[in-house]
Structures are given as C-alpha cells and as structure tokens.
PDB file of N, CA and C in Angstrom:
ATOM      1  N   UNK A   1      44.562  -6.695  27.466  1.00  0.00           N
ATOM      2  CA  UNK A   1      43.780  -6.549  28.137  1.00  0.00           C
ATOM      3  C   UNK A   1      42.777  -6.033  26.922  1.00  0.00           C
ATOM      4  N   UNK A   2      41.366  -6.355  26.703  1.00  0.00           N
ATOM      5  CA  UNK A   2      40.857  -5.862  25.801  1.00  0.00           C
ATOM      6  C   UNK A   2      39.748  -4.302  25.946  1.00  0.00           C
ATOM      7  N   UNK A   3      39.374  -3.943  24.901  1.00  0.00           N
ATOM      8  CA  UNK A   3      38.925  -2.796  25.106  1.00  0.00           C
ATOM      9  C   UNK A   3      37.707  -2.765  24.226  1.00  0.00           C
ATOM     10  N   UNK A   4      36.713  -2.013  24.744  1.00  0.00           N
ATOM     11  CA  UNK A   4      35.943  -1.701  23.967  1.00  0.00           C
ATOM     12  C   UNK A   4      35.574  -0.907  22.134  1.00  0.00           C
ATOM     13  N   UNK A   5      34.932  -0.913  21.616  1.00  0.00           N
ATOM     14  CA  UNK A   5      34.761  -0.241  20.344  1.00  0.00           C
ATOM     15  C   UNK A   5      34.816   1.545  20.708  1.00  0.00           C
ATOM     16  N   UNK A   6      36.420   2.219  20.224  1.00  0.00           N
ATOM     17  CA  UNK A   6      36.500   3.082  20.266  1.00  0.00           C
ATOM     18  C   UNK A   6      37.091   3.912  21.556  1.00  0.00           C
ATOM     19  N   UNK A   7      37.400   2.638  21.961  1.00  0.00           N
ATOM     20  CA  UNK A   7      38.049   2.816  23.563  1.00  0.00           C
ATOM     21  C   UNK A   7      39.730   3.739  23.307  1.00  0.00           C
ATOM     22  N   UNK A   8      39.937   4.347  23.693  1.00  0.00           N
ATOM     23  CA  UNK A   8      41.180   5.223  23.240  1.00  0.00           C
ATOM     24  C   UNK A   8      41.470   5.874  22.127  1.00  0.00           C
ATOM     25  N   UNK A   9      41.010   5.913  21.070  1.00  0.00           N
ATOM     26  CA  UNK A   9      40.385   6.983  20.261  1.00  0.00           C
ATOM     27  C   UNK A   9      39.638   8.446  20.619  1.00  0.00           C
ATOM     28  N   UNK A  10      40.777   9.409  20.188  1.00  0.00           N
ATOM     29  CA  UNK A  10      40.169  10.798  20.496  1.00  0.00           C
ATOM     30  C   UNK A  10      40.052  11.456  19.167  1.00  0.00           C
ATOM     31  N   UNK A  11      38.666  12.220  19.036  1.00  0.00           N
ATOM     32  CA  UNK A  11      38.227  12.548  17.648  1.00  0.00           C
ATOM     33  C   UNK A  11      39.194  14.112  17.882  1.00  0.00           C
ATOM     34  N   UNK A  12      39.519  14.637  16.884  1.00  0.00           N
ATOM     35  CA  UNK A  12      40.302  16.220  16.737  1.00  0.00           C
ATOM     36  C   UNK A  12      38.891  16.883  16.670  1.00  0.00           C
ATOM     37  N   UNK A  13      38.490  17.012  15.622  1.00  0.00           N
ATOM     38  CA  UNK A  13      37.466  17.552  14.985  1.00  0.00           C
ATOM     39  C   UNK A  13      36.105  16.952  14.749  1.00  0.00           C
ATOM     40  N   UNK A  14      35.150  16.307  15.913  1.00  0.00           N
ATOM     41  CA  UNK A  14      34.070  16.219  15.891  1.00  0.00           C
ATOM     42  C   UNK A  14      33.253  16.845  14.838  1.00  0.00           C
ATOM     43  N   UNK A  15      32.573  16.093  13.591  1.00  0.00           N
ATOM     44  CA  UNK A  15      31.719  16.344  12.617  1.00  0.00           C
ATOM     45  C   UNK A  15      30.219  16.366  13.664  1.00  0.00           C
ATOM     46  N   UNK A  16      29.923  17.180  13.232  1.00  0.00           N
ATOM     47  CA  UNK A  16      28.316  17.493  13.473  1.00  0.00           C
ATOM     48  C   UNK A  16      27.358  16.655  12.936  1.00  0.00           C
ATOM     49  N   UNK A  17      26.694  15.301  13.476  1.00  0.00           N
ATOM     50  CA  UNK A  17      25.969  14.446  12.704  1.00  0.00           C
ATOM     51  C   UNK A  17      24.102  14.954  12.346  1.00  0.00           C
ATOM     52  N   UNK A  18      24.066  15.725  13.584  1.00  0.00           N
ATOM     53  CA  UNK A  18      22.679  16.047  13.571  1.00  0.00           C
ATOM     54  C   UNK A  18      22.121  17.086  14.616  1.00  0.00           C
ATOM     55  N   UNK A  19      21.354  18.060  14.323  1.00  0.00           N
ATOM     56  CA  UNK A  19      21.245  19.236  15.306  1.00  0.00           C
ATOM     57  C   UNK A  19      19.542  19.559  14.592  1.00  0.00           C
ATOM     58  N   UNK A  20      19.414  20.281  15.941  1.00  0.00           N
ATOM     59  CA  UNK A  20      18.292  20.307  15.795  1.00  0.00           C
ATOM     60  C   UNK A  20      18.021  22.005  16.565  1.00  0.00           C
ATOM     61  N   UNK A  21      17.699  23.106  16.167  1.00  0.00           N
ATOM     62  CA  UNK A  21      17.036  24.646  16.471  1.00  0.00           C
ATOM     63  C   UNK A  21      15.774  25.029  17.101  1.00  0.00           C
ATOM     64  N   UNK A  22      15.801  24.793  18.126  1.00  0.00           N
ATOM     65  CA  UNK A  22      14.664  25.338  18.304  1.00  0.00           C
ATOM     66  C   UNK A  22      13.100  24.984  17.657  1.00  0.00           C
ATOM     67  N   UNK A  23      13.118  23.800  17.900  1.00  0.00           N
ATOM     68  CA  UNK A  23      12.392  22.677  17.346  1.00  0.00           C
ATOM     69  C   UNK A  23      10.862  22.531  18.297  1.00  0.00           C
ATOM     70  N   UNK A  24       9.815  22.705  17.705  1.00  0.00           N
ATOM     71  CA  UNK A  24       8.656  22.787  18.820  1.00  0.00           C
ATOM     72  C   UNK A  24       7.766  21.507  17.698  1.00  0.00           C
ATOM     73  N   UNK A  25       6.703  21.425  18.597  1.00  0.00           N
ATOM     74  CA  UNK A  25       5.602  19.997  17.722  1.00  0.00           C
ATOM     75  C   UNK A  25       4.602  19.810  18.863  1.00  0.00           C
ATOM     76  N   UNK A  26       3.657  20.311  17.997  1.00  0.00           N
ATOM     77  CA  UNK A  26       1.983  20.405  18.610  1.00  0.00           C
ATOM     78  C   UNK A  26       1.027  19.727  17.741  1.00  0.00           C
ATOM     79  N   UNK A  27       0.313  18.548  18.443  1.00  0.00           N
ATOM     80  CA  UNK A  27      -0.755  17.850  18.307  1.00  0.00           C
ATOM     81  C   UNK A  27      -2.222  18.165  18.813  1.00  0.00           C
ATOM     82  N   UNK A  28      -3.206  18.450  18.269  1.00  0.00           N
ATOM     83  CA  UNK A  28      -4.257  18.682  18.698  1.00  0.00           C
ATOM     84  C   UNK A  28      -4.352  19.534  19.586  1.00  0.00           C
ATOM     85  N   UNK A  29      -3.236  20.891  19.618  1.00  0.00           N
ATOM     86  CA  UNK A  29      -3.690  21.778  20.067  1.00  0.00           C
ATOM     87  C   UNK A  29      -2.761  21.742  21.564  1.00  0.00           C
ATOM     88  N   UNK A  30      -1.834  20.881  21.767  1.00  0.00           N
ATOM     89  CA  UNK A  30      -1.244  20.658  23.053  1.00  0.00           C
ATOM     90  C   UNK A  30       0.573  20.261  22.461  1.00  0.00           C
ATOM     91  N   UNK A  31       0.499  21.381  22.978  1.00  0.00           N
ATOM     92  CA  UNK A  31       2.733  20.958  23.063  1.00  0.00           C
ATOM     93  C   UNK A  31       3.352  19.765  23.422  1.00  0.00           C
ATOM     94  N   UNK A  32       3.556  19.150  22.453  1.00  0.00           N
ATOM     95  CA  UNK A  32       4.272  18.187  22.853  1.00  0.00           C
ATOM     96  C   UNK A  32       6.171  17.896  22.997  1.00  0.00           C
ATOM     97  N   UNK A  33       6.896  19.053  22.631  1.00  0.00           N
ATOM     98  CA  UNK A  33       7.939  19.764  21.799  1.00  0.00           C
ATOM     99  C   UNK A  33       8.104  21.207  22.243  1.00  0.00           C
ATOM    100  N   UNK A  34       8.778  21.808  22.733  1.00  0.00           N
ATOM    101  CA  UNK A  34       8.816  23.252  22.889  1.00  0.00           C
ATOM    102  C   UNK A  34      10.306  23.915  22.961  1.00  0.00           C
ATOM    103  N   UNK A  35      10.721  24.153  21.881  1.00  0.00           N
ATOM    104  CA  UNK A  35      12.059  25.239  21.701  1.00  0.00           C
ATOM    105  C   UNK A  35      12.988  23.940  22.157  1.00  0.00           C
ATOM    106  N   UNK A  36      13.265  22.484  21.209  1.00  0.00           N
ATOM    107  CA  UNK A  36      14.390  21.774  21.620  1.00  0.00           C
ATOM    108  C   UNK A  36      15.567  21.810  20.962  1.00  0.00           C
ATOM    109  N   UNK A  37      16.535  22.318  21.641  1.00  0.00           N
ATOM    110  CA  UNK A  37      17.684  21.987  20.527  1.00  0.00           C
ATOM    111  C   UNK A  37      18.788  20.693  21.065  1.00  0.00           C
ATOM    112  N   UNK A  38      19.186  20.335  19.774  1.00  0.00           N
ATOM    113  CA  UNK A  38      19.663  18.964  20.274  1.00  0.00           C
ATOM    114  C   UNK A  38      21.197  19.001  19.347  1.00  0.00           C
ATOM    115  N   UNK A  39      22.847  18.766  19.728  1.00  0.00           N
ATOM    116  CA  UNK A  39      23.349  18.346  18.799  1.00  0.00           C
ATOM    117  C   UNK A  39      24.061  17.631  19.163  1.00  0.00           C
ATOM    118  N   UNK A  40      24.550  16.036  17.914  1.00  0.00           N
ATOM    119  CA  UNK A  40      24.841  15.650  18.103  1.00  0.00           C
ATOM    120  C   UNK A  40      26.308  14.904  17.080  1.00  0.00           C
ATOM    121  N   UNK A  41      27.360  14.718  17.855  1.00  0.00           N
ATOM    122  CA  UNK A  41      28.528  14.535  16.959  1.00  0.00           C
ATOM    123  C   UNK A  41      28.815  13.332  17.217  1.00  0.00           C
ATOM    124  N   UNK A  42      30.068  13.180  15.867  1.00  0.00           N
ATOM    125  CA  UNK A  42      30.765  11.735  16.074  1.00  0.00           C
ATOM    126  C   UNK A  42      31.236  11.159  17.170  1.00  0.00           C
ATOM    127  N   UNK A  43      31.086  10.218  17.479  1.00  0.00           N
ATOM    128  CA  UNK A  43      31.563   9.896  19.257  1.00  0.00           C
ATOM    129  C   UNK A  43      30.915   9.719  20.240  1.00  0.00           C
ATOM    130  N   UNK A  44      29.732  10.539  20.103  1.00  0.00           N
ATOM    131  CA  UNK A  44      29.007  10.701  21.023  1.00  0.00           C
ATOM    132  C   UNK A  44      28.031   9.819  21.231  1.00  0.00           C
ATOM    133  N   UNK A  45      27.509   9.403  22.311  1.00  0.00           N
ATOM    134  CA  UNK A  45      26.203   8.173  22.841  1.00  0.00           C
ATOM    135  C   UNK A  45      25.119   9.299  23.780  1.00  0.00           C
ATOM    136  N   UNK A  46      24.128   9.191  23.062  1.00  0.00           N
ATOM    137  CA  UNK A  46      23.348   9.701  23.732  1.00  0.00           C
ATOM    138  C   UNK A  46      22.334   8.681  24.498  1.00  0.00           C
ATOM    139  N   UNK A  47      21.511   9.173  25.281  1.00  0.00           N
ATOM    140  CA  UNK A  47      20.197   8.303  25.489  1.00  0.00           C
ATOM    141  C   UNK A  47      18.892   9.673  25.781  1.00  0.00           C
ATOM    142  N   UNK A  48      17.859   8.963  25.603  1.00  0.00           N
ATOM    143  CA  UNK A  48      16.524   9.742  25.324  1.00  0.00           C
ATOM    144  C   UNK A  48      15.240   9.014  26.968  1.00  0.00           C
ATOM    145  N   UNK A  49      15.640   9.665  27.796  1.00  0.00           N
ATOM    146  CA  UNK A  49      14.850   9.032  28.870  1.00  0.00           C
ATOM    147  C   UNK A  49      13.983   9.921  29.551  1.00  0.00           C
ATOM    148  N   UNK A  50      12.965   9.672  29.696  1.00  0.00           N
ATOM    149  CA  UNK A  50      11.885  10.124  30.316  1.00  0.00           C
ATOM    150  C   UNK A  50      10.347   9.688  30.908  1.00  0.00           C
ATOM    151  N   UNK A  51       9.552  10.037  31.400  1.00  0.00           N
ATOM    152  CA  UNK A  51       8.266   9.152  31.958  1.00  0.00           C
ATOM    153  C   UNK A  51       7.496   9.000  30.758  1.00  0.00           C
ATOM    154  N   UNK A  52       6.554   8.062  30.741  1.00  0.00           N
ATOM    155  CA  UNK A  52       5.569   7.993  30.003  1.00  0.00           C
ATOM    156  C   UNK A  52       4.806   9.173  29.210  1.00  0.00           C
ATOM    157  N   UNK A  53       4.771   9.423  28.412  1.00  0.00           N
ATOM    158  CA  UNK A  53       3.984  10.820  27.942  1.00  0.00           C
ATOM    159  C   UNK A  53       5.060  12.245  27.711  1.00  0.00           C
ATOM    160  N   UNK A  54       6.161  12.210  27.810  1.00  0.00           N
ATOM    161  CA  UNK A  54       7.264  12.795  28.018  1.00  0.00           C
ATOM    162  C   UNK A  54       7.316  13.905  26.714  1.00  0.00           C
ATOM    163  N   UNK A  55       7.371  12.631  25.340  1.00  0.00           N
ATOM    164  CA  UNK A  55       7.254  13.096  24.003  1.00  0.00           C
ATOM    165  C   UNK A  55       8.749  12.465  23.193  1.00  0.00           C
ATOM    166  N   UNK A  56       9.593  11.412  24.166  1.00  0.00           N
ATOM    167  CA  UNK A  56      10.802  10.781  23.643  1.00  0.00           C
ATOM    168  C   UNK A  56      10.303  10.060  22.393  1.00  0.00           C
ATOM    169  N   UNK A  57       9.205   9.253  22.205  1.00  0.00           N
ATOM    170  CA  UNK A  57       8.557   9.236  20.712  1.00  0.00           C
ATOM    171  C   UNK A  57       8.545   9.913  19.696  1.00  0.00           C
ATOM    172  N   UNK A  58       8.208  10.714  20.108  1.00  0.00           N
ATOM    173  CA  UNK A  58       7.689  12.331  18.944  1.00  0.00           C
ATOM    174  C   UNK A  58       8.789  13.098  18.658  1.00  0.00           C
ATOM    175  N   UNK A  59      10.404  12.711  19.869  1.00  0.00           N
ATOM    176  CA  UNK A  59      11.080  13.254  18.843  1.00  0.00           C
ATOM    177  C   UNK A  59      11.975  12.788  17.944  1.00  0.00           C
ATOM    178  N   UNK A  60      11.977  11.226  18.216  1.00  0.00           N
ATOM    179  CA  UNK A  60      12.555  10.415  17.203  1.00  0.00           C
ATOM    180  C   UNK A  60      11.950  10.327  16.515  1.00  0.00           C
ATOM    181  N   UNK A  61      10.175  10.823  16.502  1.00  0.00           N
ATOM    182  CA  UNK A  61       9.890  10.569  14.726  1.00  0.00           C
ATOM    183  C   UNK A  61      10.144  12.190  14.201  1.00  0.00           C
ATOM    184  N   UNK A  62      10.746  13.126  14.592  1.00  0.00           N
ATOM    185  CA  UNK A  62      10.880  14.402  14.145  1.00  0.00           C
ATOM    186  C   UNK A  62      12.275  14.527  13.802  1.00  0.00           C
ATOM    187  N   UNK A  63      13.206  13.269  14.558  1.00  0.00           N
ATOM    188  CA  UNK A  63      14.584  13.081  13.969  1.00  0.00           C
ATOM    189  C   UNK A  63      14.830  12.185  12.743  1.00  0.00           C
ATOM    190  N   UNK A  64      13.590  11.530  12.770  1.00  0.00           N
ATOM    191  CA  UNK A  64      13.450  10.393  11.577  1.00  0.00           C
ATOM    192  C   UNK A  64      12.539  11.294   9.855  1.00  0.00           C
ATOM    193  N   UNK A  65      12.343  12.640  10.350  1.00  0.00           N
ATOM    194  CA  UNK A  65      11.338  13.531   9.470  1.00  0.00           C
ATOM    195  C   UNK A  65      10.366  12.628   8.958  1.00  0.00           C
ATOM    196  N   UNK A  66       9.393  11.878  10.086  1.00  0.00           N
ATOM    197  CA  UNK A  66       8.123  11.219   9.832  1.00  0.00           C
ATOM    198  C   UNK A  66       7.425  12.124  10.674  1.00  0.00           C
ATOM    199  N   UNK A  67       7.497  13.429  11.277  1.00  0.00           N
ATOM    200  CA  UNK A  67       6.651  14.208  11.799  1.00  0.00           C
ATOM    201  C   UNK A  67       6.920  15.723  11.728  1.00  0.00           C
ATOM    202  N   UNK A  68       5.966  16.063  11.189  1.00  0.00           N
ATOM    203  CA  UNK A  68       6.303  17.635  10.624  1.00  0.00           C
ATOM    204  C   UNK A  68       6.149  18.603  12.182  1.00  0.00           C
ATOM    205  N   UNK A  69       7.611  19.520  12.188  1.00  0.00           N
ATOM    206  CA  UNK A  69       7.437  20.058  13.361  1.00  0.00           C
ATOM    207  C   UNK A  69       7.842  21.859  12.854  1.00  0.00           C
ATOM    208  N   UNK A  70       8.196  22.436  13.911  1.00  0.00           N
ATOM    209  CA  UNK A  70       8.341  23.980  13.837  1.00  0.00           C
ATOM    210  C   UNK A  70      10.198  23.701  14.215  1.00  0.00           C
ATOM    211  N   UNK A  71      10.860  24.835  13.322  1.00  0.00           N
ATOM    212  CA  UNK A  71      12.412  24.890  13.723  1.00  0.00           C
ATOM    213  C   UNK A  71      13.300  24.706  12.565  1.00  0.00           C
ATOM    214  N   UNK A  72      14.178  24.300  12.697  1.00  0.00           N
ATOM    215  CA  UNK A  72      15.689  23.998  11.802  1.00  0.00           C
ATOM    216  C   UNK A  72      16.248  22.464  12.310  1.00  0.00           C
ATOM    217  N   UNK A  73      16.144  21.587  11.360  1.00  0.00           N
ATOM    218  CA  UNK A  73      16.861  20.359  11.315  1.00  0.00           C
ATOM    219  C   UNK A  73      18.250  20.533  10.635  1.00  0.00           C
TER     220      UNK A  73
END
C-alpha cells in the first residue's frame, strides 16, 4: 500500500519554523491586519483562505518581509 509524504511519521519535538506575534499592518490609514498571531511548526500544513480584500496577500508579504509592519516576527 502506498503512502503519502510524511504519512506515518510522528514529530516528537516539532520545531517552530515561523512565528508572528501581535502583527498589525496599516496602509493609507486603513487597518489591513490587526494583532495577528501565527505559529507554524515542522510537519504542519496551513491554508490561508478568505474573501477578496481580506488581507491574505498582505499577510504573505509580511511573511516574506517585503512589507513593513508593527509587531514581532
């Protein structure tokens, strides 16, 4: 029986790959992101979903460090 990538593996001590704490982003006096907290650990899969204009691309720009923001990365 075939298994997918990572199937059957158990992470004993997942490593935090990325963390955001209280991140906010404002553009043209409009709040785009407000006090976002995010933690991604090894072995986790995430999806960023939401309606148009919800801030998905802005969040990805913050993660890529191509957009200035307030908070901790």
